[in-house]
Amino acid sequence: MKESVYHRLLLLAFIFSFSLSPVWAQKNQLKNSRVLVYTKNGVGYVHDNIPSAVACIQELGAENKFTVDVSDDPAVFSEANLKKYTLLIFTSTNNDVFATDEQRVAFRRYIEAGGGFVGVHSVTGTERKWAWFKMMVGETFTWHANFQQFSLINIDPKHPAMEGIPSVWTKEDECYFGREMYPGIRVLMMHDVTTLDKKQSDLILKNAGTFGDYFPAVWYQNFQGGHVWVTTLGHAKADYQNPLYRKHLLQGIKFIANQQQGINYSKAFSTGKDDKLMVNDKL
């Protein structure tokens, strides 16, 4: 075989193999993007990890060349403001975090327009009276076991948000349980309930429900036009300086950024916070 033909075939083989690579592996849409970190809490328990989480995400932004805005003011939820963000990050938010239903509609329309959402730790306890929000997050909080060391299992190690995360990750945290699980979520990591302290076995049994020995801990979903990634991990302030947890959080943020195809409000259809879901392009 002539050398020029051989080189041509090698080039074609390279191009073909590259074209088969997963789409997410070819993108880094987080670079030069803008994210909003929202930290508002309603009446009730407020996590002391929030400043640590904010500082962590700001550091990740500086390291990975994306802009981080931070706010606890619900007035940021307007279409004019939200359209500039690749994704929104709710870190340890809890209870009611919007001041008006107009703000809730603006948030919902942002998701419908193709927006991204990352929820951290107690986000499942946010807006507990708003059914749509609970479906978007994927569950609503019921109870967590005492802060302790226990194990989590990485059940989708090839997913871009899970690469490099141990198959069994043993760490100190709060094992979160929930109800109203939305059927669309795709679980990436699960709590190994059998590794929890047996002193709370009655409460564990009650809250684990039909899940038994395992319960969702990290998941994602495409929801009503938007893209969602949630981790229930991250209770301790020290987590946000832990390299493995920072990797976990950054990969979730990157994954959602890489789903982004632009914010297009012509695709948003809701006029009220409790409008019906769009299913198979039908209301």
C-alpha atoms as a PDB file:
ATOM      1  CA  MET A   1       0.000   0.000   0.000  1.00  0.00           C
ATOM      2  CA  LYS A   2       1.389   3.389  -0.938  1.00  0.00           C
ATOM      3  CA  GLU A   3       2.284   5.615   2.017  1.00  0.00           C
ATOM      4  CA  SER A   4      -0.110   8.427   0.984  1.00  0.00           C
ATOM      5  CA  VAL A   5      -3.038   6.008   0.774  1.00  0.00           C
ATOM      6  CA  TYR A   6      -2.080   4.508   4.138  1.00  0.00           C
ATOM      7  CA  HIS A   7      -2.006   7.926   5.803  1.00  0.00           C
ATOM      8  CA  ARG A   8      -5.350   8.790   4.233  1.00  0.00           C
ATOM      9  CA  LEU A   9      -6.925   5.648   5.640  1.00  0.00           C
ATOM     10  CA  LEU A  10      -5.485   6.363   9.076  1.00  0.00           C
ATOM     11  CA  LEU A  11      -6.966   9.852   8.958  1.00  0.00           C
ATOM     12  CA  LEU A  12     -10.377   8.503   7.949  1.00  0.00           C
ATOM     13  CA  ALA A  13     -10.262   5.937  10.762  1.00  0.00           C
ATOM     14  CA  PHE A  14      -9.437   8.680  13.264  1.00  0.00           C
ATOM     15  CA  ILE A  15     -12.274  10.901  12.058  1.00  0.00           C
ATOM     16  CA  PHE A  16     -14.725   7.992  12.167  1.00  0.00           C
ATOM     17  CA  SER A  17     -13.727   6.967  15.699  1.00  0.00           C
ATOM     18  CA  PHE A  18     -13.980  10.579  16.894  1.00  0.00           C
ATOM     19  CA  SER A  19     -17.464  10.881  15.417  1.00  0.00           C
ATOM     20  CA  LEU A  20     -18.546   7.929  17.565  1.00  0.00           C
ATOM     21  CA  SER A  21     -17.449   9.646  20.795  1.00  0.00           C
ATOM     22  CA  PRO A  22     -20.270  10.644  23.122  1.00  0.00           C
ATOM     23  CA  VAL A  23     -21.515  14.167  22.410  1.00  0.00           C
ATOM     24  CA  TRP A  24     -20.835  15.256  25.986  1.00  0.00           C
ATOM     25  CA  ALA A  25     -17.166  14.331  25.648  1.00  0.00           C
ATOM     26  CA  GLN A  26     -16.708  16.811  22.804  1.00  0.00           C
ATOM     27  CA  LYS A  27     -18.060  19.856  24.634  1.00  0.00           C
ATOM     28  CA  ASN A  28     -17.061  22.130  27.451  1.00  0.00           C
ATOM     29  CA  GLN A  29     -19.917  24.592  27.463  1.00  0.00           C
ATOM     30  CA  LEU A  30     -19.215  25.586  31.051  1.00  0.00           C
ATOM     31  CA  LYS A  31     -16.206  27.638  29.966  1.00  0.00           C
ATOM     32  CA  ASN A  32     -17.149  31.312  29.504  1.00  0.00           C
ATOM     33  CA  SER A  33     -20.700  30.635  30.704  1.00  0.00           C
ATOM     34  CA  ARG A  34     -22.558  32.349  33.554  1.00  0.00           C
ATOM     35  CA  VAL A  35     -24.279  30.637  36.479  1.00  0.00           C
ATOM     36  CA  LEU A  36     -26.448  31.919  39.294  1.00  0.00           C
ATOM     37  CA  VAL A  37     -25.961  30.501  42.795  1.00  0.00           C
ATOM     38  CA  TYR A  38     -29.149  31.028  44.771  1.00  0.00           C
ATOM     39  CA  THR A  39     -29.034  30.711  48.575  1.00  0.00           C
ATOM     40  CA  LYS A  40     -32.402  31.930  49.859  1.00  0.00           C
ATOM     41  CA  ASN A  41     -34.042  29.991  52.716  1.00  0.00           C
ATOM     42  CA  GLY A  42     -37.573  30.237  53.970  1.00  0.00           C
ATOM     43  CA  VAL A  43     -38.684  30.048  57.587  1.00  0.00           C
ATOM     44  CA  GLY A  44     -37.020  27.095  59.296  1.00  0.00           C
ATOM     45  CA  TYR A  45     -33.615  25.457  59.483  1.00  0.00           C
ATOM     46  CA  VAL A  46     -30.780  27.157  57.579  1.00  0.00           C
ATOM     47  CA  HIS A  47     -27.594  25.203  56.817  1.00  0.00           C
ATOM     48  CA  ASP A  48     -24.317  26.730  57.961  1.00  0.00           C
ATOM     49  CA  ASN A  49     -22.612  25.170  54.929  1.00  0.00           C
ATOM     50  CA  ILE A  50     -23.989  27.798  52.521  1.00  0.00           C
ATOM     51  CA  PRO A  51     -21.040  30.239  52.707  1.00  0.00           C
ATOM     52  CA  SER A  52     -18.636  27.310  52.209  1.00  0.00           C
ATOM     53  CA  ALA A  53     -20.631  26.083  49.202  1.00  0.00           C
ATOM     54  CA  VAL A  54     -20.694  29.564  47.661  1.00  0.00           C
ATOM     55  CA  ALA A  55     -16.936  29.983  48.120  1.00  0.00           C
ATOM     56  CA  CYS A  56     -16.362  26.539  46.589  1.00  0.00           C
ATOM     57  CA  ILE A  57     -18.410  27.310  43.482  1.00  0.00           C
ATOM     58  CA  GLN A  58     -16.716  30.687  43.085  1.00  0.00           C
ATOM     59  CA  GLU A  59     -13.340  28.937  43.244  1.00  0.00           C
ATOM     60  CA  LEU A  60     -14.499  26.334  40.715  1.00  0.00           C
ATOM     61  CA  GLY A  61     -15.629  29.189  38.488  1.00  0.00           C
ATOM     62  CA  ALA A  62     -12.233  30.867  38.638  1.00  0.00           C
ATOM     63  CA  GLU A  63     -10.458  27.571  37.970  1.00  0.00           C
ATOM     64  CA  ASN A  64     -12.724  26.578  35.071  1.00  0.00           C
ATOM     65  CA  LYS A  65     -13.357  30.008  33.559  1.00  0.00           C
ATOM     66  CA  PHE A  66     -17.075  30.465  34.197  1.00  0.00           C
ATOM     67  CA  THR A  67     -18.735  33.445  35.874  1.00  0.00           C
ATOM     68  CA  VAL A  68     -20.549  32.984  39.180  1.00  0.00           C
ATOM     69  CA  ASP A  69     -23.249  35.359  40.406  1.00  0.00           C
ATOM     70  CA  VAL A  70     -24.604  34.870  43.935  1.00  0.00           C
ATOM     71  CA  SER A  71     -27.922  36.056  45.344  1.00  0.00           C
ATOM     72  CA  ASP A  72     -30.469  35.411  48.073  1.00  0.00           C
ATOM     73  CA  ASP A  73     -32.907  37.948  46.594  1.00  0.00           C
ATOM     74  CA  PRO A  74     -35.944  36.325  44.922  1.00  0.00           C
ATOM     75  CA  ALA A  75     -36.257  39.421  42.708  1.00  0.00           C
ATOM     76  CA  VAL A  76     -33.595  37.814  40.469  1.00  0.00           C
ATOM     77  CA  PHE A  77     -36.353  35.569  39.094  1.00  0.00           C
ATOM     78  CA  SER A  78     -37.495  37.454  36.032  1.00  0.00           C
ATOM     79  CA  GLU A  79     -37.216  36.391  32.413  1.00  0.00           C
ATOM     80  CA  ALA A  80     -35.063  39.404  31.598  1.00  0.00           C
ATOM     81  CA  ASN A  81     -32.519  38.398  34.233  1.00  0.00           C
ATOM     82  CA  LEU A  82     -32.627  34.598  33.991  1.00  0.00           C
ATOM     83  CA  LYS A  83     -32.029  34.427  30.251  1.00  0.00           C
ATOM     84  CA  LYS A  84     -28.332  35.277  30.739  1.00  0.00           C
ATOM     85  CA  TYR A  85     -27.639  32.133  32.796  1.00  0.00           C
ATOM     86  CA  THR A  86     -26.547  28.742  31.508  1.00  0.00           C
ATOM     87  CA  LEU A  87     -27.779  27.184  34.738  1.00  0.00           C
ATOM     88  CA  LEU A  88     -29.028  27.943  38.232  1.00  0.00           C
ATOM     89  CA  ILE A  89     -27.526  26.356  41.362  1.00  0.00           C
ATOM     90  CA  PHE A  90     -29.654  26.072  44.501  1.00  0.00           C
ATOM     91  CA  THR A  91     -27.282  25.169  47.316  1.00  0.00           C
ATOM     92  CA  SER A  92     -28.852  23.930  50.562  1.00  0.00           C
ATOM     93  CA  THR A  93     -31.999  25.937  49.977  1.00  0.00           C
ATOM     94  CA  ASN A  94     -34.911  24.964  52.218  1.00  0.00           C
ATOM     95  CA  ASN A  95     -38.626  25.725  52.524  1.00  0.00           C
ATOM     96  CA  ASP A  96     -40.195  28.615  50.545  1.00  0.00           C
ATOM     97  CA  VAL A  97     -37.560  30.507  48.575  1.00  0.00           C
ATOM     98  CA  PHE A  98     -39.719  32.650  46.280  1.00  0.00           C
ATOM     99  CA  ALA A  99     -41.608  35.747  47.421  1.00  0.00           C
ATOM    100  CA  THR A 100     -44.350  35.733  44.760  1.00  0.00           C
ATOM    101  CA  ASP A 101     -46.040  33.387  42.326  1.00  0.00           C
ATOM    102  CA  GLU A 102     -44.795  35.636  39.499  1.00  0.00           C
ATOM    103  CA  GLN A 103     -41.257  34.656  40.504  1.00  0.00           C
ATOM    104  CA  ARG A 104     -42.253  30.994  40.538  1.00  0.00           C
ATOM    105  CA  VAL A 105     -43.674  31.313  37.024  1.00  0.00           C
ATOM    106  CA  ALA A 106     -40.469  33.021  35.860  1.00  0.00           C
ATOM    107  CA  PHE A 107     -38.434  30.118  37.267  1.00  0.00           C
ATOM    108  CA  ARG A 108     -40.716  27.549  35.653  1.00  0.00           C
ATOM    109  CA  ARG A 109     -40.575  29.294  32.275  1.00  0.00           C
ATOM    110  CA  TYR A 110     -36.780  29.412  32.471  1.00  0.00           C
ATOM    111  CA  ILE A 111     -36.716  25.616  32.789  1.00  0.00           C
ATOM    112  CA  GLU A 112     -39.232  25.246  29.936  1.00  0.00           C
ATOM    113  CA  ALA A 113     -37.046  27.533  27.808  1.00  0.00           C
ATOM    114  CA  GLY A 114     -34.182  25.046  28.126  1.00  0.00           C
ATOM    115  CA  GLY A 115     -32.521  26.228  31.322  1.00  0.00           C
ATOM    116  CA  GLY A 116     -30.295  24.162  33.556  1.00  0.00           C
ATOM    117  CA  PHE A 117     -30.670  23.418  37.254  1.00  0.00           C
ATOM    118  CA  VAL A 118     -28.254  21.996  39.819  1.00  0.00           C
ATOM    119  CA  GLY A 119     -29.597  21.222  43.283  1.00  0.00           C
ATOM    120  CA  VAL A 120     -27.295  20.636  46.253  1.00  0.00           C
ATOM    121  CA  HIS A 121     -27.991  18.839  49.533  1.00  0.00           C
ATOM    122  CA  SER A 122     -31.240  20.103  51.133  1.00  0.00           C
ATOM    123  CA  VAL A 123     -32.679  21.325  47.832  1.00  0.00           C
ATOM    124  CA  THR A 124     -35.212  18.479  48.103  1.00  0.00           C
ATOM    125  CA  GLY A 125     -36.722  20.352  51.058  1.00  0.00           C
ATOM    126  CA  THR A 126     -37.343  23.452  48.942  1.00  0.00           C
ATOM    127  CA  GLU A 127     -40.832  24.721  47.965  1.00  0.00           C
ATOM    128  CA  ARG A 128     -42.565  21.770  49.614  1.00  0.00           C
ATOM    129  CA  LYS A 129     -46.030  23.106  48.792  1.00  0.00           C
ATOM    130  CA  TRP A 130     -45.348  23.570  45.061  1.00  0.00           C
ATOM    131  CA  ALA A 131     -46.025  20.309  43.202  1.00  0.00           C
ATOM    132  CA  TRP A 132     -44.284  21.345  39.962  1.00  0.00           C
ATOM    133  CA  PHE A 133     -41.074  22.271  41.741  1.00  0.00           C
ATOM    134  CA  LYS A 134     -41.028  18.974  43.615  1.00  0.00           C
ATOM    135  CA  MET A 135     -41.398  17.079  40.339  1.00  0.00           C
ATOM    136  CA  MET A 136     -38.635  19.152  38.776  1.00  0.00           C
ATOM    137  CA  VAL A 137     -36.238  18.393  41.643  1.00  0.00           C
ATOM    138  CA  GLY A 138     -37.303  14.719  41.639  1.00  0.00           C
ATOM    139  CA  GLU A 139     -38.491  14.170  45.207  1.00  0.00           C
ATOM    140  CA  THR A 140     -39.429  16.046  48.358  1.00  0.00           C
ATOM    141  CA  PHE A 141     -37.547  15.610  51.621  1.00  0.00           C
ATOM    142  CA  THR A 142     -39.008  13.580  54.478  1.00  0.00           C
ATOM    143  CA  TRP A 143     -36.152  12.799  56.888  1.00  0.00           C
ATOM    144  CA  HIS A 144     -32.415  12.245  57.159  1.00  0.00           C
ATOM    145  CA  ALA A 145     -30.416   9.954  59.398  1.00  0.00           C
ATOM    146  CA  ASN A 146     -27.964  11.446  61.864  1.00  0.00           C
ATOM    147  CA  PHE A 147     -24.736  12.830  60.422  1.00  0.00           C
ATOM    148  CA  GLN A 148     -22.437   9.807  60.262  1.00  0.00           C
ATOM    149  CA  GLN A 149     -20.108   7.766  58.087  1.00  0.00           C
ATOM    150  CA  PHE A 150     -21.914   5.524  55.605  1.00  0.00           C
ATOM    151  CA  SER A 151     -21.472   4.243  52.057  1.00  0.00           C
ATOM    152  CA  LEU A 152     -22.814   5.275  48.684  1.00  0.00           C
ATOM    153  CA  ILE A 153     -22.721   3.197  45.522  1.00  0.00           C
ATOM    154  CA  ASN A 154     -21.916   4.643  42.101  1.00  0.00           C
ATOM    155  CA  ILE A 155     -24.334   2.749  39.843  1.00  0.00           C
ATOM    156  CA  ASP A 156     -23.524   4.583  36.576  1.00  0.00           C
ATOM    157  CA  PRO A 157     -19.720   5.047  36.546  1.00  0.00           C
ATOM    158  CA  LYS A 158     -19.616   5.786  32.793  1.00  0.00           C
ATOM    159  CA  HIS A 159     -21.925   8.774  33.121  1.00  0.00           C
ATOM    160  CA  PRO A 160     -19.948  12.033  32.704  1.00  0.00           C
ATOM    161  CA  ALA A 161     -21.050  13.277  36.120  1.00  0.00           C
ATOM    162  CA  MET A 162     -19.801  10.065  37.767  1.00  0.00           C
ATOM    163  CA  GLU A 163     -16.427   9.527  36.124  1.00  0.00           C
ATOM    164  CA  GLY A 164     -13.679   9.173  38.697  1.00  0.00           C
ATOM    165  CA  ILE A 165     -16.143   8.839  41.567  1.00  0.00           C
ATOM    166  CA  PRO A 166     -15.441   5.647  43.557  1.00  0.00           C
ATOM    167  CA  SER A 167     -17.672   2.637  42.961  1.00  0.00           C
ATOM    168  CA  VAL A 168     -18.226   2.697  46.729  1.00  0.00           C
ATOM    169  CA  TRP A 169     -17.804   6.119  48.319  1.00  0.00           C
ATOM    170  CA  THR A 170     -17.687   6.002  52.116  1.00  0.00           C
ATOM    171  CA  LYS A 171     -18.016   9.454  53.662  1.00  0.00           C
ATOM    172  CA  GLU A 172     -19.564  11.366  56.520  1.00  0.00           C
ATOM    173  CA  ASP A 173     -22.833  13.013  55.529  1.00  0.00           C
ATOM    174  CA  GLU A 174     -26.575  12.996  56.094  1.00  0.00           C
ATOM    175  CA  CYS A 175     -28.433  10.168  54.362  1.00  0.00           C
ATOM    176  CA  TYR A 176     -31.466  11.900  52.863  1.00  0.00           C
ATOM    177  CA  PHE A 177     -34.813  10.208  52.296  1.00  0.00           C
ATOM    178  CA  GLY A 178     -37.788  11.550  50.377  1.00  0.00           C
ATOM    179  CA  ARG A 179     -41.231  10.874  48.983  1.00  0.00           C
ATOM    180  CA  GLU A 180     -43.165  11.864  45.852  1.00  0.00           C
ATOM    181  CA  MET A 181     -40.357  10.478  43.702  1.00  0.00           C
ATOM    182  CA  TYR A 182     -40.823  11.702  40.141  1.00  0.00           C
ATOM    183  CA  PRO A 183     -40.710   8.785  37.641  1.00  0.00           C
ATOM    184  CA  GLY A 184     -38.454  10.627  35.202  1.00  0.00           C
ATOM    185  CA  ILE A 185     -35.329  10.765  37.338  1.00  0.00           C
ATOM    186  CA  ARG A 186     -32.324   8.627  36.444  1.00  0.00           C
ATOM    187  CA  VAL A 187     -30.352   7.605  39.495  1.00  0.00           C
ATOM    188  CA  LEU A 188     -26.554   7.831  39.355  1.00  0.00           C
ATOM    189  CA  MET A 189     -25.612   7.081  42.953  1.00  0.00           C
ATOM    190  CA  MET A 190     -27.516   5.465  45.797  1.00  0.00           C
ATOM    191  CA  HIS A 191     -27.263   5.350  49.563  1.00  0.00           C
ATOM    192  CA  ASP A 192     -26.376   1.935  50.936  1.00  0.00           C
ATOM    193  CA  VAL A 193     -28.917   2.003  53.744  1.00  0.00           C
ATOM    194  CA  THR A 194     -27.433  -1.138  55.330  1.00  0.00           C
ATOM    195  CA  THR A 195     -24.306   0.829  56.304  1.00  0.00           C
ATOM    196  CA  LEU A 196     -26.245   3.287  58.501  1.00  0.00           C
ATOM    197  CA  ASP A 197     -26.152   3.174  62.296  1.00  0.00           C
ATOM    198  CA  LYS A 198     -28.800   0.686  63.422  1.00  0.00           C
ATOM    199  CA  LYS A 199     -29.811   2.894  66.365  1.00  0.00           C
ATOM    200  CA  GLN A 200     -32.304   4.639  64.058  1.00  0.00           C
ATOM    201  CA  SER A 201     -33.482   1.442  62.363  1.00  0.00           C
ATOM    202  CA  ASP A 202     -37.201   2.119  62.916  1.00  0.00           C
ATOM    203  CA  LEU A 203     -36.999   5.550  61.279  1.00  0.00           C
ATOM    204  CA  ILE A 204     -34.799   4.198  58.500  1.00  0.00           C
ATOM    205  CA  LEU A 205     -37.309   1.433  57.746  1.00  0.00           C
ATOM    206  CA  LYS A 206     -40.199   3.902  57.799  1.00  0.00           C
ATOM    207  CA  ASN A 207     -38.538   6.398  55.440  1.00  0.00           C
ATOM    208  CA  ALA A 208     -36.832   3.960  53.069  1.00  0.00           C
ATOM    209  CA  GLY A 209     -40.280   2.672  52.150  1.00  0.00           C
ATOM    210  CA  THR A 210     -40.340   0.319  49.163  1.00  0.00           C
ATOM    211  CA  PHE A 211     -36.707   1.078  48.272  1.00  0.00           C
ATOM    212  CA  GLY A 212     -35.392  -1.271  50.933  1.00  0.00           C
ATOM    213  CA  ASP A 213     -31.604  -1.427  51.310  1.00  0.00           C
ATOM    214  CA  TYR A 214     -30.873   1.303  48.748  1.00  0.00           C
ATOM    215  CA  PHE A 215     -32.204   4.809  48.239  1.00  0.00           C
ATOM    216  CA  PRO A 216     -31.497   7.437  45.530  1.00  0.00           C
ATOM    217  CA  ALA A 217     -28.735   9.882  46.459  1.00  0.00           C
ATOM    218  CA  VAL A 218     -27.724  11.538  43.154  1.00  0.00           C
ATOM    219  CA  TRP A 219     -29.779  11.762  39.967  1.00  0.00           C
ATOM    220  CA  TYR A 220     -30.524  13.729  36.813  1.00  0.00           C
ATOM    221  CA  GLN A 221     -33.432  14.207  34.465  1.00  0.00           C
ATOM    222  CA  ASN A 222     -34.621  16.118  31.436  1.00  0.00           C
ATOM    223  CA  PHE A 223     -37.727  17.877  32.654  1.00  0.00           C
ATOM    224  CA  GLN A 224     -40.188  19.973  30.655  1.00  0.00           C
ATOM    225  CA  GLY A 225     -37.485  21.296  28.343  1.00  0.00           C
ATOM    226  CA  GLY A 226     -34.833  21.836  31.021  1.00  0.00           C
ATOM    227  CA  HIS A 227     -31.987  19.778  32.443  1.00  0.00           C
ATOM    228  CA  VAL A 228     -31.646  18.883  36.125  1.00  0.00           C
ATOM    229  CA  TRP A 229     -28.909  17.338  38.282  1.00  0.00           C
ATOM    230  CA  VAL A 230     -29.314  16.831  42.035  1.00  0.00           C
ATOM    231  CA  THR A 231     -26.959  15.622  44.747  1.00  0.00           C
ATOM    232  CA  THR A 232     -28.233  15.148  48.284  1.00  0.00           C
ATOM    233  CA  LEU A 233     -24.630  15.078  49.520  1.00  0.00           C
ATOM    234  CA  GLY A 234     -22.784  18.031  51.009  1.00  0.00           C
ATOM    235  CA  HIS A 235     -23.937  18.663  54.570  1.00  0.00           C
ATOM    236  CA  ALA A 236     -20.537  19.355  56.120  1.00  0.00           C
ATOM    237  CA  LYS A 237     -18.743  22.643  55.540  1.00  0.00           C
ATOM    238  CA  ALA A 238     -15.545  20.616  55.093  1.00  0.00           C
ATOM    239  CA  ASP A 239     -17.021  18.896  52.016  1.00  0.00           C
ATOM    240  CA  TYR A 240     -16.550  22.052  49.990  1.00  0.00           C
ATOM    241  CA  GLN A 241     -12.778  21.881  50.446  1.00  0.00           C
ATOM    242  CA  ASN A 242     -12.634  18.120  49.887  1.00  0.00           C
ATOM    243  CA  PRO A 243     -11.157  17.385  46.414  1.00  0.00           C
ATOM    244  CA  LEU A 244     -13.438  14.403  45.775  1.00  0.00           C
ATOM    245  CA  TYR A 245     -16.607  16.252  46.712  1.00  0.00           C
ATOM    246  CA  ARG A 246     -15.509  19.286  44.674  1.00  0.00           C
ATOM    247  CA  LYS A 247     -14.959  16.964  41.703  1.00  0.00           C
ATOM    248  CA  HIS A 248     -18.426  15.488  42.237  1.00  0.00           C
ATOM    249  CA  LEU A 249     -20.029  18.934  42.308  1.00  0.00           C
ATOM    250  CA  LEU A 250     -18.052  20.302  39.352  1.00  0.00           C
ATOM    251  CA  GLN A 251     -18.875  17.296  37.182  1.00  0.00           C
ATOM    252  CA  GLY A 252     -22.582  17.732  37.907  1.00  0.00           C
ATOM    253  CA  ILE A 253     -22.375  21.410  36.964  1.00  0.00           C
ATOM    254  CA  LYS A 254     -20.412  20.598  33.804  1.00  0.00           C
ATOM    255  CA  PHE A 255     -22.868  17.900  32.806  1.00  0.00           C
ATOM    256  CA  ILE A 256     -25.815  20.285  32.979  1.00  0.00           C
ATOM    257  CA  ALA A 257     -23.902  23.034  31.160  1.00  0.00           C
ATOM    258  CA  ASN A 258     -23.123  20.585  28.355  1.00  0.00           C
ATOM    259  CA  GLN A 259     -26.836  19.883  27.830  1.00  0.00           C
ATOM    260  CA  GLN A 260     -27.416  23.561  27.168  1.00  0.00           C
ATOM    261  CA  GLN A 261     -28.682  24.499  23.711  1.00  0.00           C
ATOM    262  CA  GLY A 262     -29.566  28.086  24.538  1.00  0.00           C
ATOM    263  CA  ILE A 263     -32.412  29.736  26.424  1.00  0.00           C
ATOM    264  CA  ASN A 264     -35.393  30.022  24.082  1.00  0.00           C
ATOM    265  CA  TYR A 265     -38.484  31.506  25.687  1.00  0.00           C
ATOM    266  CA  SER A 266     -40.590  30.711  22.619  1.00  0.00           C
ATOM    267  CA  LYS A 267     -40.592  27.142  24.000  1.00  0.00           C
ATOM    268  CA  ALA A 268     -41.933  28.208  27.406  1.00  0.00           C
ATOM    269  CA  PHE A 269     -45.663  27.603  27.672  1.00  0.00           C
ATOM    270  CA  SER A 270     -46.705  28.186  31.288  1.00  0.00           C
ATOM    271  CA  THR A 271     -48.622  31.215  32.444  1.00  0.00           C
ATOM    272  CA  GLY A 272     -49.282  29.919  35.971  1.00  0.00           C
ATOM    273  CA  LYS A 273     -47.092  28.031  38.443  1.00  0.00           C
ATOM    274  CA  ASP A 274     -49.562  25.143  38.616  1.00  0.00           C
ATOM    275  CA  ASP A 275     -50.271  24.712  34.896  1.00  0.00           C
ATOM    276  CA  LYS A 276     -50.396  21.124  33.645  1.00  0.00           C
ATOM    277  CA  LEU A 277     -47.196  19.427  32.517  1.00  0.00           C
ATOM    278  CA  MET A 278     -46.461  19.145  28.825  1.00  0.00           C
ATOM    279  CA  VAL A 279     -46.442  15.415  27.989  1.00  0.00           C
ATOM    280  CA  ASN A 280     -45.596  14.250  24.475  1.00  0.00           C
ATOM    281  CA  ASP A 281     -45.984  17.860  23.260  1.00  0.00           C
ATOM    282  CA  LYS A 282     -49.515  18.016  24.673  1.00  0.00           C
ATOM    283  CA  LEU A 283     -50.977  19.725  27.713  1.00  0.00           C
END
